[in-house]
Amino acid sequence: MKHILVLLFVMIFTVSANAQISFNAGATMIKGFRAGTDPNFGFHLGMEFPRDDFSSFYVRYTLGLKQYANDSVTNIQLDPINDPFLPYASTTAIPSMNYHIIEGGNRYYIGDGFDFGWGGYGGSSFLIMINQVKAKYGSFDESKYKIADFSRMEGTILSLGAGLNGGVKYTDPRIGSFYFDVGLSYMFFAQSNHPNVYGGLYSSLIFSFNLGYRKDLIW
């Protein structure tokens, strides 16, 4: 996570030599393209650097709050002599997964442009996504059993991806801008730090819906 934050700051300072910078924040909904999963709700913070009135570069951090599922894990006996005919048992588990997404990319505007009035925008992006997976386990006799290592669900999934996004905005120079955009992203690379991390909530194809407010600063 520290390395990703450093990368984000490098991207920001690389483009912040412009005479204009915009800060934005708002609510986010993330939906993975996977049957049986619910949306993750959260928020986003971002910065945008216009090159001119019809193109810009942006960076955004999105936090998707936890989403839960129902499953079970395998328990293994501490001492098989206790019951050689029942070496394993099952315990309920409630795995959860959140989202940390850092994205950056280009936007192109139509209509009244970046600085004023109504406008539409769209572009492409590159994403780094981190999913933290945790689990709560049901009760069991800990004097006889332990959760088998191969059955544990906790871990972190790191993904790289690319996407497309588009939206609409309205800008009043005195008040600021209000916007709504949607994104479609595909994770073409994923790696976890645990071989058996729970993947029932993970999807390599995700949709995002963002509603927020943007404030422009000029110096």
C-alpha atoms as a PDB file:
ATOM      1  CA  MET A   1       0.000   0.000   0.000  1.00  0.00           C
ATOM      2  CA  LYS A   2       2.853   2.432   0.769  1.00  0.00           C
ATOM      3  CA  HIS A   3       4.357   1.873  -2.686  1.00  0.00           C
ATOM      4  CA  ILE A   4       1.001   2.636  -4.325  1.00  0.00           C
ATOM      5  CA  LEU A   5       0.640   5.897  -2.372  1.00  0.00           C
ATOM      6  CA  VAL A   6       4.138   6.934  -3.453  1.00  0.00           C
ATOM      7  CA  LEU A   7       3.184   6.194  -7.062  1.00  0.00           C
ATOM      8  CA  LEU A   8       0.042   8.300  -6.698  1.00  0.00           C
ATOM      9  CA  PHE A   9       1.982  11.289  -5.361  1.00  0.00           C
ATOM     10  CA  VAL A  10       4.528  10.999  -8.174  1.00  0.00           C
ATOM     11  CA  MET A  11       1.722  11.056 -10.732  1.00  0.00           C
ATOM     12  CA  ILE A  12       0.173  14.112  -9.062  1.00  0.00           C
ATOM     13  CA  PHE A  13       3.359  16.152  -8.847  1.00  0.00           C
ATOM     14  CA  THR A  14       4.348  15.238 -12.397  1.00  0.00           C
ATOM     15  CA  VAL A  15       1.271  16.957 -13.804  1.00  0.00           C
ATOM     16  CA  SER A  16       0.656  19.635 -11.148  1.00  0.00           C
ATOM     17  CA  ALA A  17       2.817  22.209 -12.943  1.00  0.00           C
ATOM     18  CA  ASN A  18      -0.342  23.331 -14.724  1.00  0.00           C
ATOM     19  CA  ALA A  19      -1.877  26.657 -13.733  1.00  0.00           C
ATOM     20  CA  GLN A  20      -5.185  24.954 -12.930  1.00  0.00           C
ATOM     21  CA  ILE A  21      -6.035  22.015 -10.723  1.00  0.00           C
ATOM     22  CA  SER A  22      -9.380  20.565  -9.640  1.00  0.00           C
ATOM     23  CA  PHE A  23     -10.272  18.596  -6.528  1.00  0.00           C
ATOM     24  CA  ASN A  24     -13.300  16.299  -6.461  1.00  0.00           C
ATOM     25  CA  ALA A  25     -15.048  13.966  -4.045  1.00  0.00           C
ATOM     26  CA  GLY A  26     -18.248  11.976  -3.901  1.00  0.00           C
ATOM     27  CA  ALA A  27     -20.083   8.696  -3.464  1.00  0.00           C
ATOM     28  CA  THR A  28     -19.261   5.494  -5.352  1.00  0.00           C
ATOM     29  CA  MET A  29     -20.957   2.185  -6.064  1.00  0.00           C
ATOM     30  CA  ILE A  30     -18.863  -0.744  -7.363  1.00  0.00           C
ATOM     31  CA  LYS A  31     -20.460  -3.818  -8.916  1.00  0.00           C
ATOM     32  CA  GLY A  32     -18.457  -6.854  -9.915  1.00  0.00           C
ATOM     33  CA  PHE A  33     -19.636  -8.834 -12.927  1.00  0.00           C
ATOM     34  CA  ARG A  34     -20.301 -11.945 -10.870  1.00  0.00           C
ATOM     35  CA  ALA A  35     -23.643 -13.623 -10.176  1.00  0.00           C
ATOM     36  CA  GLY A  36     -24.901 -13.504  -6.615  1.00  0.00           C
ATOM     37  CA  THR A  37     -22.777 -10.579  -5.416  1.00  0.00           C
ATOM     38  CA  ASP A  38     -24.156  -7.295  -4.116  1.00  0.00           C
ATOM     39  CA  PRO A  39     -22.738  -3.838  -4.920  1.00  0.00           C
ATOM     40  CA  ASN A  40     -20.020  -2.321  -2.749  1.00  0.00           C
ATOM     41  CA  PHE A  41     -20.741   1.232  -1.627  1.00  0.00           C
ATOM     42  CA  GLY A  42     -18.064   3.732  -0.718  1.00  0.00           C
ATOM     43  CA  PHE A  43     -16.544   7.054  -1.708  1.00  0.00           C
ATOM     44  CA  HIS A  44     -13.867   8.550  -3.946  1.00  0.00           C
ATOM     45  CA  LEU A  45     -11.374  11.423  -3.870  1.00  0.00           C
ATOM     46  CA  GLY A  46      -9.627  12.764  -6.916  1.00  0.00           C
ATOM     47  CA  MET A  47      -7.706  15.468  -8.743  1.00  0.00           C
ATOM     48  CA  GLU A  48      -7.973  16.630 -12.336  1.00  0.00           C
ATOM     49  CA  PHE A  49      -5.492  18.628 -14.392  1.00  0.00           C
ATOM     50  CA  PRO A  50      -6.913  20.256 -17.547  1.00  0.00           C
ATOM     51  CA  ARG A  51      -4.556  20.578 -20.528  1.00  0.00           C
ATOM     52  CA  ASP A  52      -7.080  22.851 -22.232  1.00  0.00           C
ATOM     53  CA  ASP A  53     -10.846  23.287 -22.138  1.00  0.00           C
ATOM     54  CA  PHE A  54     -11.478  19.941 -23.871  1.00  0.00           C
ATOM     55  CA  SER A  55      -8.926  17.513 -22.438  1.00  0.00           C
ATOM     56  CA  SER A  56      -7.497  16.652 -19.023  1.00  0.00           C
ATOM     57  CA  PHE A  57      -5.568  14.119 -16.976  1.00  0.00           C
ATOM     58  CA  TYR A  58      -7.099  12.769 -13.760  1.00  0.00           C
ATOM     59  CA  VAL A  59      -6.196  10.601 -10.780  1.00  0.00           C
ATOM     60  CA  ARG A  60      -8.715   9.086  -8.357  1.00  0.00           C
ATOM     61  CA  TYR A  61      -8.695   6.980  -5.216  1.00  0.00           C
ATOM     62  CA  THR A  62     -11.790   4.893  -4.482  1.00  0.00           C
ATOM     63  CA  LEU A  63     -12.633   3.001  -1.304  1.00  0.00           C
ATOM     64  CA  GLY A  64     -15.328   0.340  -1.568  1.00  0.00           C
ATOM     65  CA  LEU A  65     -16.581  -0.756   1.843  1.00  0.00           C
ATOM     66  CA  LYS A  66     -16.886  -4.388   2.898  1.00  0.00           C
ATOM     67  CA  GLN A  67     -19.170  -6.836   1.155  1.00  0.00           C
ATOM     68  CA  TYR A  68     -20.043 -10.130   2.843  1.00  0.00           C
ATOM     69  CA  ALA A  69     -20.764 -13.699   1.758  1.00  0.00           C
ATOM     70  CA  ASN A  70     -21.674 -16.997   3.458  1.00  0.00           C
ATOM     71  CA  ASP A  71     -19.440 -20.046   3.289  1.00  0.00           C
ATOM     72  CA  SER A  72     -17.776 -22.682   5.465  1.00  0.00           C
ATOM     73  CA  VAL A  73     -14.262 -23.812   6.362  1.00  0.00           C
ATOM     74  CA  THR A  74     -12.702 -27.118   7.276  1.00  0.00           C
ATOM     75  CA  ASN A  75     -11.427 -27.798  10.793  1.00  0.00           C
ATOM     76  CA  ILE A  76      -8.790 -30.411  11.449  1.00  0.00           C
ATOM     77  CA  GLN A  77      -8.235 -32.257  14.698  1.00  0.00           C
ATOM     78  CA  LEU A  78      -5.354 -31.211  16.899  1.00  0.00           C
ATOM     79  CA  ASP A  79      -4.913 -34.852  17.945  1.00  0.00           C
ATOM     80  CA  PRO A  80      -6.374 -37.455  15.535  1.00  0.00           C
ATOM     81  CA  ILE A  81      -6.349 -40.042  18.344  1.00  0.00           C
ATOM     82  CA  ASN A  82      -9.398 -38.275  19.832  1.00  0.00           C
ATOM     83  CA  ASP A  83     -11.599 -39.554  17.042  1.00  0.00           C
ATOM     84  CA  PRO A  84      -9.781 -41.306  14.190  1.00  0.00           C
ATOM     85  CA  PHE A  85     -13.054 -41.735  12.304  1.00  0.00           C
ATOM     86  CA  LEU A  86     -13.833 -37.976  12.285  1.00  0.00           C
ATOM     87  CA  PRO A  87     -10.539 -36.177  11.551  1.00  0.00           C
ATOM     88  CA  TYR A  88     -12.293 -33.197   9.975  1.00  0.00           C
ATOM     89  CA  ALA A  89     -15.268 -30.998  10.817  1.00  0.00           C
ATOM     90  CA  SER A  90     -16.961 -28.025   9.194  1.00  0.00           C
ATOM     91  CA  THR A  91     -17.523 -24.531  10.590  1.00  0.00           C
ATOM     92  CA  THR A  92     -19.496 -21.644   9.140  1.00  0.00           C
ATOM     93  CA  ALA A  93     -17.583 -18.659   7.815  1.00  0.00           C
ATOM     94  CA  ILE A  94     -18.541 -15.132   6.741  1.00  0.00           C
ATOM     95  CA  PRO A  95     -15.848 -13.804   4.380  1.00  0.00           C
ATOM     96  CA  SER A  96     -15.710 -10.100   3.533  1.00  0.00           C
ATOM     97  CA  MET A  97     -13.893  -8.104   0.858  1.00  0.00           C
ATOM     98  CA  ASN A  98     -13.283  -4.401   0.306  1.00  0.00           C
ATOM     99  CA  TYR A  99     -11.805  -2.343  -2.537  1.00  0.00           C
ATOM    100  CA  HIS A 100      -8.898   0.094  -2.720  1.00  0.00           C
ATOM    101  CA  ILE A 101      -8.590   1.446  -6.273  1.00  0.00           C
ATOM    102  CA  ILE A 102      -6.142   3.988  -7.638  1.00  0.00           C
ATOM    103  CA  GLU A 103      -6.764   4.995 -11.224  1.00  0.00           C
ATOM    104  CA  GLY A 104      -5.417   7.570 -13.619  1.00  0.00           C
ATOM    105  CA  GLY A 105      -6.132   8.429 -17.199  1.00  0.00           C
ATOM    106  CA  ASN A 106      -7.223  10.901 -19.854  1.00  0.00           C
ATOM    107  CA  ARG A 107     -10.565  12.615 -20.344  1.00  0.00           C
ATOM    108  CA  TYR A 108     -11.949  14.395 -23.374  1.00  0.00           C
ATOM    109  CA  TYR A 109     -14.829  16.877 -23.115  1.00  0.00           C
ATOM    110  CA  ILE A 110     -17.635  17.841 -25.463  1.00  0.00           C
ATOM    111  CA  GLY A 111     -20.306  20.513 -25.119  1.00  0.00           C
ATOM    112  CA  ASP A 112     -19.367  23.573 -23.059  1.00  0.00           C
ATOM    113  CA  GLY A 113     -16.005  22.072 -22.107  1.00  0.00           C
ATOM    114  CA  PHE A 114     -14.195  21.728 -18.801  1.00  0.00           C
ATOM    115  CA  ASP A 115     -14.634  25.213 -17.289  1.00  0.00           C
ATOM    116  CA  PHE A 116     -18.278  26.142 -17.843  1.00  0.00           C
ATOM    117  CA  GLY A 117     -21.803  24.845 -18.316  1.00  0.00           C
ATOM    118  CA  TRP A 118     -22.964  21.421 -19.394  1.00  0.00           C
ATOM    119  CA  GLY A 119     -20.528  18.938 -20.825  1.00  0.00           C
ATOM    120  CA  GLY A 120     -19.992  15.286 -21.489  1.00  0.00           C
ATOM    121  CA  TYR A 121     -16.686  13.516 -21.077  1.00  0.00           C
ATOM    122  CA  GLY A 122     -15.071  10.157 -21.621  1.00  0.00           C
ATOM    123  CA  GLY A 123     -11.707   8.495 -21.797  1.00  0.00           C
ATOM    124  CA  SER A 124      -9.507   5.600 -20.772  1.00  0.00           C
ATOM    125  CA  SER A 125      -7.774   4.710 -17.518  1.00  0.00           C
ATOM    126  CA  PHE A 126      -5.213   2.442 -15.896  1.00  0.00           C
ATOM    127  CA  LEU A 127      -6.025   0.921 -12.486  1.00  0.00           C
ATOM    128  CA  ILE A 128      -4.294  -0.604  -9.498  1.00  0.00           C
ATOM    129  CA  MET A 129      -6.783  -2.483  -7.295  1.00  0.00           C
ATOM    130  CA  ILE A 130      -6.233  -4.007  -3.868  1.00  0.00           C
ATOM    131  CA  ASN A 131      -8.886  -6.254  -2.300  1.00  0.00           C
ATOM    132  CA  GLN A 132      -8.489  -7.141   1.363  1.00  0.00           C
ATOM    133  CA  VAL A 133     -10.232 -10.387   2.280  1.00  0.00           C
ATOM    134  CA  LYS A 134     -11.067 -11.248   5.879  1.00  0.00           C
ATOM    135  CA  ALA A 135     -13.407 -13.760   7.518  1.00  0.00           C
ATOM    136  CA  LYS A 136     -15.352 -14.346  10.703  1.00  0.00           C
ATOM    137  CA  TYR A 137     -15.645 -18.002  11.703  1.00  0.00           C
ATOM    138  CA  GLY A 138     -18.343 -19.787  13.629  1.00  0.00           C
ATOM    139  CA  SER A 139     -17.641 -21.285  17.029  1.00  0.00           C
ATOM    140  CA  PHE A 140     -16.090 -24.744  17.421  1.00  0.00           C
ATOM    141  CA  ASP A 141     -14.296 -26.782  20.080  1.00  0.00           C
ATOM    142  CA  GLU A 142     -10.841 -25.209  19.985  1.00  0.00           C
ATOM    143  CA  SER A 143      -9.540 -27.810  22.430  1.00  0.00           C
ATOM    144  CA  LYS A 144      -9.958 -30.486  19.729  1.00  0.00           C
ATOM    145  CA  TYR A 145      -9.864 -28.654  16.387  1.00  0.00           C
ATOM    146  CA  LYS A 146      -8.147 -25.858  14.529  1.00  0.00           C
ATOM    147  CA  ILE A 147      -8.977 -24.270  11.203  1.00  0.00           C
ATOM    148  CA  ALA A 148      -6.958 -26.016   8.517  1.00  0.00           C
ATOM    149  CA  ASP A 149      -4.390 -23.787   6.809  1.00  0.00           C
ATOM    150  CA  PHE A 150      -5.625 -24.850   3.380  1.00  0.00           C
ATOM    151  CA  SER A 151      -9.130 -23.722   4.336  1.00  0.00           C
ATOM    152  CA  ARG A 152      -8.355 -20.228   5.640  1.00  0.00           C
ATOM    153  CA  MET A 153      -9.773 -17.407   3.538  1.00  0.00           C
ATOM    154  CA  GLU A 154      -7.828 -14.320   4.570  1.00  0.00           C
ATOM    155  CA  GLY A 155      -5.464 -12.559   2.223  1.00  0.00           C
ATOM    156  CA  THR A 156      -4.884  -9.663  -0.150  1.00  0.00           C
ATOM    157  CA  ILE A 157      -5.461  -9.620  -3.901  1.00  0.00           C
ATOM    158  CA  LEU A 158      -3.469  -7.171  -6.023  1.00  0.00           C
ATOM    159  CA  SER A 159      -4.776  -6.516  -9.536  1.00  0.00           C
ATOM    160  CA  LEU A 160      -3.802  -4.397 -12.524  1.00  0.00           C
ATOM    161  CA  GLY A 161      -6.323  -3.359 -15.104  1.00  0.00           C
ATOM    162  CA  ALA A 162      -7.514  -0.896 -17.717  1.00  0.00           C
ATOM    163  CA  GLY A 163     -10.888   0.642 -18.354  1.00  0.00           C
ATOM    164  CA  LEU A 164     -13.169   3.113 -20.063  1.00  0.00           C
ATOM    165  CA  ASN A 165     -15.268   5.806 -18.405  1.00  0.00           C
ATOM    166  CA  GLY A 166     -17.744   8.478 -19.348  1.00  0.00           C
ATOM    167  CA  GLY A 167     -20.072  10.943 -17.709  1.00  0.00           C
ATOM    168  CA  VAL A 168     -21.774  14.326 -17.635  1.00  0.00           C
ATOM    169  CA  LYS A 169     -21.091  17.445 -15.578  1.00  0.00           C
ATOM    170  CA  TYR A 170     -22.465  20.918 -14.957  1.00  0.00           C
ATOM    171  CA  THR A 171     -20.118  23.770 -13.980  1.00  0.00           C
ATOM    172  CA  ASP A 172     -20.960  27.135 -12.459  1.00  0.00           C
ATOM    173  CA  PRO A 173     -17.665  29.035 -12.039  1.00  0.00           C
ATOM    174  CA  ARG A 174     -18.865  30.573  -8.763  1.00  0.00           C
ATOM    175  CA  ILE A 175     -20.141  27.344  -7.199  1.00  0.00           C
ATOM    176  CA  GLY A 176     -18.177  24.514  -8.771  1.00  0.00           C
ATOM    177  CA  SER A 177     -19.128  21.413 -10.731  1.00  0.00           C
ATOM    178  CA  PHE A 178     -21.488  18.517 -10.140  1.00  0.00           C
ATOM    179  CA  TYR A 179     -20.869  15.311 -12.066  1.00  0.00           C
ATOM    180  CA  PHE A 180     -21.999  11.744 -12.629  1.00  0.00           C
ATOM    181  CA  ASP A 181     -19.887   9.151 -14.403  1.00  0.00           C
ATOM    182  CA  VAL A 182     -19.692   5.415 -14.965  1.00  0.00           C
ATOM    183  CA  GLY A 183     -16.722   3.172 -15.612  1.00  0.00           C
ATOM    184  CA  LEU A 184     -16.080  -0.311 -16.936  1.00  0.00           C
ATOM    185  CA  SER A 185     -12.739  -1.900 -16.030  1.00  0.00           C
ATOM    186  CA  TYR A 186     -11.106  -5.238 -16.694  1.00  0.00           C
ATOM    187  CA  MET A 187      -8.381  -6.642 -14.430  1.00  0.00           C
ATOM    188  CA  PHE A 188      -5.933  -8.443 -16.713  1.00  0.00           C
ATOM    189  CA  PHE A 189      -3.536  -9.412 -13.898  1.00  0.00           C
ATOM    190  CA  ALA A 190      -4.267 -10.589 -10.347  1.00  0.00           C
ATOM    191  CA  GLN A 191      -2.006 -11.990  -7.642  1.00  0.00           C
ATOM    192  CA  SER A 192      -2.776 -12.937  -4.029  1.00  0.00           C
ATOM    193  CA  ASN A 193      -0.465 -13.352  -1.042  1.00  0.00           C
ATOM    194  CA  HIS A 194      -2.245 -16.543   0.053  1.00  0.00           C
ATOM    195  CA  PRO A 195      -2.931 -19.487  -2.273  1.00  0.00           C
ATOM    196  CA  ASN A 196      -6.398 -20.120  -0.839  1.00  0.00           C
ATOM    197  CA  VAL A 197      -7.690 -16.566  -0.401  1.00  0.00           C
ATOM    198  CA  TYR A 198     -11.471 -16.513  -0.789  1.00  0.00           C
ATOM    199  CA  GLY A 199     -12.391 -15.447  -4.318  1.00  0.00           C
ATOM    200  CA  GLY A 200     -16.157 -15.771  -4.201  1.00  0.00           C
ATOM    201  CA  LEU A 201     -16.587 -11.979  -4.048  1.00  0.00           C
ATOM    202  CA  TYR A 202     -13.880 -11.132  -6.581  1.00  0.00           C
ATOM    203  CA  SER A 203     -14.538 -10.266 -10.200  1.00  0.00           C
ATOM    204  CA  SER A 204     -12.044  -9.321 -12.892  1.00  0.00           C
ATOM    205  CA  LEU A 205     -14.706  -7.191 -14.632  1.00  0.00           C
ATOM    206  CA  ILE A 206     -16.143  -4.330 -12.561  1.00  0.00           C
ATOM    207  CA  PHE A 207     -18.565  -1.466 -13.063  1.00  0.00           C
ATOM    208  CA  SER A 208     -18.331   1.772 -11.079  1.00  0.00           C
ATOM    209  CA  PHE A 209     -20.878   4.569 -10.632  1.00  0.00           C
ATOM    210  CA  ASN A 210     -19.738   7.897  -9.218  1.00  0.00           C
ATOM    211  CA  LEU A 211     -21.661  10.994  -8.136  1.00  0.00           C
ATOM    212  CA  GLY A 212     -19.749  13.975  -6.811  1.00  0.00           C
ATOM    213  CA  TYR A 213     -18.667  17.603  -6.623  1.00  0.00           C
ATOM    214  CA  ARG A 214     -15.625  19.251  -8.227  1.00  0.00           C
ATOM    215  CA  LYS A 215     -13.923  22.522  -7.247  1.00  0.00           C
ATOM    216  CA  ASP A 216     -11.444  24.252  -9.560  1.00  0.00           C
ATOM    217  CA  LEU A 217      -8.434  26.207  -8.338  1.00  0.00           C
ATOM    218  CA  ILE A 218      -6.521  28.613 -10.588  1.00  0.00           C
ATOM    219  CA  TRP A 219      -3.234  30.371  -9.817  1.00  0.00           C
END
